[in-house]
Amino acid sequence: MTRIRRTVAAGTMGVVTEPIRPEDMRVSDADRAVTARHLQWAQGEGLLDLGEFDTRSGALYAATTRGELDRLVRDLPAVPAAVEARRPGVFADTGGGTAMRVLTIVFTSIAVVNLVVWGLVTITNGEAVYPWFLWTGVPPLAVLGTLYAFGIGRPKRD
């Protein structure tokens, strides 16, 4: 596909017939996401230290052309196909998955707060107190586990 570059000269718009080179094409958020995953993989493999990863990540979001993105990963090996295949998440990308994700976050937050309060009361009291935090943790965990076991919010198997 040939793209035509338009130029503005002396207040009039002229047409230049030279095609735009691929490295001069603008990048999308999807292009940036692919490059970001590549950088994350390289940092996880020890190919980039945290400082270099941070520098390249900053340049990633400032990049406007494909050439700028290519320069960020040019010296890195390609991401293996096995790594690139996306693993299915714990929750589906549906309304049920979103609901389960939110409920799990709420449940975990409540359970952690109650456990911390119980721990502080036990420490300041000098002796173990009744583990009442279990009453705020176990029943919601049982409900979430039952919903998940019946397939609510769980990703479909291929």
C-alpha atoms as a PDB file:
ATOM      1  CA  MET A   1       0.000   0.000   0.000  1.00  0.00           C
ATOM      2  CA  THR A   2       1.440   3.331  -1.022  1.00  0.00           C
ATOM      3  CA  ARG A   3       0.766   6.237   1.227  1.00  0.00           C
ATOM      4  CA  ILE A   4       1.048   9.751  -0.065  1.00  0.00           C
ATOM      5  CA  ARG A   5       2.821  12.378   1.985  1.00  0.00           C
ATOM      6  CA  ARG A   6       1.176  15.790   1.873  1.00  0.00           C
ATOM      7  CA  THR A   7       3.179  18.937   2.394  1.00  0.00           C
ATOM      8  CA  VAL A   8       2.222  22.520   3.016  1.00  0.00           C
ATOM      9  CA  ALA A   9       4.209  24.999   0.971  1.00  0.00           C
ATOM     10  CA  ALA A  10       3.583  28.747   0.944  1.00  0.00           C
ATOM     11  CA  GLY A  11       0.039  28.414   2.277  1.00  0.00           C
ATOM     12  CA  THR A  12      -1.071  25.836  -0.295  1.00  0.00           C
ATOM     13  CA  MET A  13      -1.231  22.105   0.120  1.00  0.00           C
ATOM     14  CA  GLY A  14       0.821  20.208  -2.439  1.00  0.00           C
ATOM     15  CA  VAL A  15       1.088  16.475  -2.989  1.00  0.00           C
ATOM     16  CA  VAL A  16       4.438  14.692  -2.932  1.00  0.00           C
ATOM     17  CA  THR A  17       4.276  11.238  -4.462  1.00  0.00           C
ATOM     18  CA  GLU A  18       7.031   9.619  -2.420  1.00  0.00           C
ATOM     19  CA  PRO A  19       5.720   6.821  -0.168  1.00  0.00           C
ATOM     20  CA  ILE A  20       6.198   6.999   3.584  1.00  0.00           C
ATOM     21  CA  ARG A  21       8.882   4.619   4.778  1.00  0.00           C
ATOM     22  CA  PRO A  22       7.669   1.969   7.287  1.00  0.00           C
ATOM     23  CA  GLU A  23       9.994   3.305   9.993  1.00  0.00           C
ATOM     24  CA  ASP A  24       8.393   6.758   9.637  1.00  0.00           C
ATOM     25  CA  MET A  25       4.850   5.455  10.188  1.00  0.00           C
ATOM     26  CA  ARG A  26       3.119   6.602  13.398  1.00  0.00           C
ATOM     27  CA  VAL A  27       2.719   4.018  16.161  1.00  0.00           C
ATOM     28  CA  SER A  28      -0.453   2.975  17.949  1.00  0.00           C
ATOM     29  CA  ASP A  29      -1.014   1.941  21.542  1.00  0.00           C
ATOM     30  CA  ALA A  30      -1.039  -1.693  20.360  1.00  0.00           C
ATOM     31  CA  ASP A  31       2.435  -1.224  18.812  1.00  0.00           C
ATOM     32  CA  ARG A  32       3.677   0.251  22.083  1.00  0.00           C
ATOM     33  CA  ALA A  33       2.168  -2.662  24.050  1.00  0.00           C
ATOM     34  CA  VAL A  34       4.050  -5.212  21.918  1.00  0.00           C
ATOM     35  CA  THR A  35       7.326  -3.359  22.450  1.00  0.00           C
ATOM     36  CA  ALA A  36       6.595  -2.983  26.180  1.00  0.00           C
ATOM     37  CA  ARG A  37       6.106  -6.768  26.496  1.00  0.00           C
ATOM     38  CA  HIS A  38       9.394  -7.288  24.640  1.00  0.00           C
ATOM     39  CA  LEU A  39      11.213  -4.971  27.065  1.00  0.00           C
ATOM     40  CA  GLN A  40       9.578  -6.641  30.084  1.00  0.00           C
ATOM     41  CA  TRP A  41      10.635 -10.056  28.811  1.00  0.00           C
ATOM     42  CA  ALA A  42      14.218  -8.855  28.215  1.00  0.00           C
ATOM     43  CA  GLN A  43      14.414  -7.348  31.701  1.00  0.00           C
ATOM     44  CA  GLY A  44      13.015 -10.561  33.208  1.00  0.00           C
ATOM     45  CA  GLU A  45      15.663 -12.591  31.370  1.00  0.00           C
ATOM     46  CA  GLY A  46      18.438 -10.344  32.702  1.00  0.00           C
ATOM     47  CA  LEU A  47      19.234  -8.780  29.322  1.00  0.00           C
ATOM     48  CA  LEU A  48      18.450  -5.303  30.668  1.00  0.00           C
ATOM     49  CA  ASP A  49      19.166  -3.947  34.115  1.00  0.00           C
ATOM     50  CA  LEU A  50      16.491  -1.879  35.873  1.00  0.00           C
ATOM     51  CA  GLY A  51      18.075   1.436  34.924  1.00  0.00           C
ATOM     52  CA  GLU A  52      18.221   0.602  31.234  1.00  0.00           C
ATOM     53  CA  PHE A  53      14.718  -0.866  31.359  1.00  0.00           C
ATOM     54  CA  ASP A  54      13.466   2.371  32.934  1.00  0.00           C
ATOM     55  CA  THR A  55      15.214   4.500  30.306  1.00  0.00           C
ATOM     56  CA  ARG A  56      13.857   2.432  27.429  1.00  0.00           C
ATOM     57  CA  SER A  57      10.363   2.353  28.936  1.00  0.00           C
ATOM     58  CA  GLY A  58      10.339   6.139  29.131  1.00  0.00           C
ATOM     59  CA  ALA A  59      11.466   6.359  25.497  1.00  0.00           C
ATOM     60  CA  LEU A  60       8.801   3.795  24.566  1.00  0.00           C
ATOM     61  CA  TYR A  61       5.933   6.040  25.605  1.00  0.00           C
ATOM     62  CA  ALA A  62       7.567   9.097  24.035  1.00  0.00           C
ATOM     63  CA  ALA A  63       8.040   7.308  20.685  1.00  0.00           C
ATOM     64  CA  THR A  64       5.881   8.428  17.790  1.00  0.00           C
ATOM     65  CA  THR A  65       7.240   6.321  14.897  1.00  0.00           C
ATOM     66  CA  ARG A  66       7.915   2.648  14.292  1.00  0.00           C
ATOM     67  CA  GLY A  67      11.586   3.405  13.753  1.00  0.00           C
ATOM     68  CA  GLU A  68      11.839   4.792  17.298  1.00  0.00           C
ATOM     69  CA  LEU A  69      10.226   1.621  18.692  1.00  0.00           C
ATOM     70  CA  ASP A  70      12.503  -0.608  16.609  1.00  0.00           C
ATOM     71  CA  ARG A  71      15.607   1.168  17.968  1.00  0.00           C
ATOM     72  CA  LEU A  72      14.494   0.305  21.529  1.00  0.00           C
ATOM     73  CA  VAL A  73      14.587  -3.455  20.912  1.00  0.00           C
ATOM     74  CA  ARG A  74      17.031  -3.719  17.987  1.00  0.00           C
ATOM     75  CA  ASP A  75      19.859  -5.094  20.161  1.00  0.00           C
ATOM     76  CA  LEU A  76      17.625  -7.630  21.944  1.00  0.00           C
ATOM     77  CA  PRO A  77      16.860 -11.180  20.776  1.00  0.00           C
ATOM     78  CA  ALA A  78      13.332 -11.921  19.604  1.00  0.00           C
ATOM     79  CA  VAL A  79      10.844 -13.050  22.229  1.00  0.00           C
ATOM     80  CA  PRO A  80      10.451 -16.853  21.974  1.00  0.00           C
ATOM     81  CA  ALA A  81       7.103 -17.936  20.516  1.00  0.00           C
ATOM     82  CA  ALA A  82       6.290 -19.955  23.653  1.00  0.00           C
ATOM     83  CA  VAL A  83       6.632 -16.819  25.783  1.00  0.00           C
ATOM     84  CA  GLU A  84       4.702 -14.689  23.328  1.00  0.00           C
ATOM     85  CA  ALA A  85       1.638 -16.965  23.440  1.00  0.00           C
ATOM     86  CA  ARG A  86      -0.573 -15.336  26.051  1.00  0.00           C
ATOM     87  CA  ARG A  87      -1.457 -17.469  29.010  1.00  0.00           C
ATOM     88  CA  PRO A  88      -5.127 -17.360  29.909  1.00  0.00           C
ATOM     89  CA  GLY A  89      -5.790 -15.350  33.037  1.00  0.00           C
ATOM     90  CA  VAL A  90      -7.434 -16.566  36.216  1.00  0.00           C
ATOM     91  CA  PHE A  91     -10.615 -14.656  35.368  1.00  0.00           C
ATOM     92  CA  ALA A  92     -12.421 -14.354  32.034  1.00  0.00           C
ATOM     93  CA  ASP A  93     -12.693 -11.083  30.128  1.00  0.00           C
ATOM     94  CA  THR A  94     -16.460 -11.065  30.655  1.00  0.00           C
ATOM     95  CA  GLY A  95     -18.825  -9.424  33.107  1.00  0.00           C
ATOM     96  CA  GLY A  96     -18.614 -12.476  35.368  1.00  0.00           C
ATOM     97  CA  GLY A  97     -14.811 -12.351  35.295  1.00  0.00           C
ATOM     98  CA  THR A  98     -14.806  -8.665  36.148  1.00  0.00           C
ATOM     99  CA  ALA A  99     -17.264  -9.245  39.001  1.00  0.00           C
ATOM    100  CA  MET A 100     -15.144 -12.084  40.395  1.00  0.00           C
ATOM    101  CA  ARG A 101     -12.003  -9.963  40.098  1.00  0.00           C
ATOM    102  CA  VAL A 102     -13.628  -7.088  42.017  1.00  0.00           C
ATOM    103  CA  LEU A 103     -15.100  -9.399  44.666  1.00  0.00           C
ATOM    104  CA  THR A 104     -11.727 -11.078  45.130  1.00  0.00           C
ATOM    105  CA  ILE A 105     -10.003  -7.716  45.614  1.00  0.00           C
ATOM    106  CA  VAL A 106     -12.653  -6.599  48.123  1.00  0.00           C
ATOM    107  CA  PHE A 107     -12.512  -9.913  49.999  1.00  0.00           C
ATOM    108  CA  THR A 108      -8.719  -9.889  50.138  1.00  0.00           C
ATOM    109  CA  SER A 109      -8.643  -6.297  51.373  1.00  0.00           C
ATOM    110  CA  ILE A 110     -11.132  -7.028  54.168  1.00  0.00           C
ATOM    111  CA  ALA A 111      -9.329 -10.222  55.171  1.00  0.00           C
ATOM    112  CA  VAL A 112      -5.914  -8.528  55.290  1.00  0.00           C
ATOM    113  CA  VAL A 113      -7.216  -5.575  57.348  1.00  0.00           C
ATOM    114  CA  ASN A 114      -8.859  -7.937  59.839  1.00  0.00           C
ATOM    115  CA  LEU A 115      -5.758 -10.108  60.084  1.00  0.00           C
ATOM    116  CA  VAL A 116      -3.548  -7.063  60.723  1.00  0.00           C
ATOM    117  CA  VAL A 117      -5.946  -5.722  63.388  1.00  0.00           C
ATOM    118  CA  TRP A 118      -6.043  -9.147  65.066  1.00  0.00           C
ATOM    119  CA  GLY A 119      -2.231  -9.278  64.974  1.00  0.00           C
ATOM    120  CA  LEU A 120      -1.911  -5.824  66.520  1.00  0.00           C
ATOM    121  CA  VAL A 121      -4.437  -6.666  69.257  1.00  0.00           C
ATOM    122  CA  THR A 122      -2.576  -9.906  69.991  1.00  0.00           C
ATOM    123  CA  ILE A 123       0.807  -8.141  70.157  1.00  0.00           C
ATOM    124  CA  THR A 124      -0.408  -5.269  72.334  1.00  0.00           C
ATOM    125  CA  ASN A 125      -2.391  -7.597  74.597  1.00  0.00           C
ATOM    126  CA  GLY A 126       0.653  -9.786  75.182  1.00  0.00           C
ATOM    127  CA  GLU A 127      -1.224 -13.031  74.588  1.00  0.00           C
ATOM    128  CA  ALA A 128      -3.061 -14.709  71.733  1.00  0.00           C
ATOM    129  CA  VAL A 129      -6.687 -13.640  71.461  1.00  0.00           C
ATOM    130  CA  TYR A 130      -9.559 -15.527  69.873  1.00  0.00           C
ATOM    131  CA  PRO A 131      -8.917 -15.689  66.078  1.00  0.00           C
ATOM    132  CA  TRP A 132     -12.070 -13.776  65.147  1.00  0.00           C
ATOM    133  CA  PHE A 133     -10.523 -12.746  61.826  1.00  0.00           C
ATOM    134  CA  LEU A 134     -11.366 -16.235  60.549  1.00  0.00           C
ATOM    135  CA  TRP A 135     -15.079 -15.325  60.652  1.00  0.00           C
ATOM    136  CA  THR A 136     -14.428 -12.446  58.242  1.00  0.00           C
ATOM    137  CA  GLY A 137     -12.179 -14.507  55.989  1.00  0.00           C
ATOM    138  CA  VAL A 138     -13.390 -18.084  55.655  1.00  0.00           C
ATOM    139  CA  PRO A 139     -17.079 -17.544  54.686  1.00  0.00           C
ATOM    140  CA  PRO A 140     -16.344 -15.110  51.813  1.00  0.00           C
ATOM    141  CA  LEU A 141     -13.530 -17.408  50.656  1.00  0.00           C
ATOM    142  CA  ALA A 142     -15.981 -20.327  50.592  1.00  0.00           C
ATOM    143  CA  VAL A 143     -18.501 -18.310  48.550  1.00  0.00           C
ATOM    144  CA  LEU A 144     -15.876 -17.155  46.032  1.00  0.00           C
ATOM    145  CA  GLY A 145     -14.465 -20.673  45.752  1.00  0.00           C
ATOM    146  CA  THR A 146     -17.934 -22.117  45.122  1.00  0.00           C
ATOM    147  CA  LEU A 147     -18.729 -19.522  42.440  1.00  0.00           C
ATOM    148  CA  TYR A 148     -15.401 -20.158  40.726  1.00  0.00           C
ATOM    149  CA  ALA A 149     -15.850 -23.939  40.939  1.00  0.00           C
ATOM    150  CA  PHE A 150     -19.196 -23.597  39.122  1.00  0.00           C
ATOM    151  CA  GLY A 151     -17.517 -21.560  36.376  1.00  0.00           C
ATOM    152  CA  ILE A 152     -18.567 -18.015  37.270  1.00  0.00           C
ATOM    153  CA  GLY A 153     -15.878 -15.708  35.906  1.00  0.00           C
ATOM    154  CA  ARG A 154     -13.571 -18.530  34.884  1.00  0.00           C
ATOM    155  CA  PRO A 155     -11.998 -18.408  31.383  1.00  0.00           C
ATOM    156  CA  LYS A 156     -13.234 -20.966  28.890  1.00  0.00           C
ATOM    157  CA  ARG A 157     -10.945 -23.901  28.153  1.00  0.00           C
ATOM    158  CA  ASP A 158      -9.845 -24.344  24.539  1.00  0.00           C
END
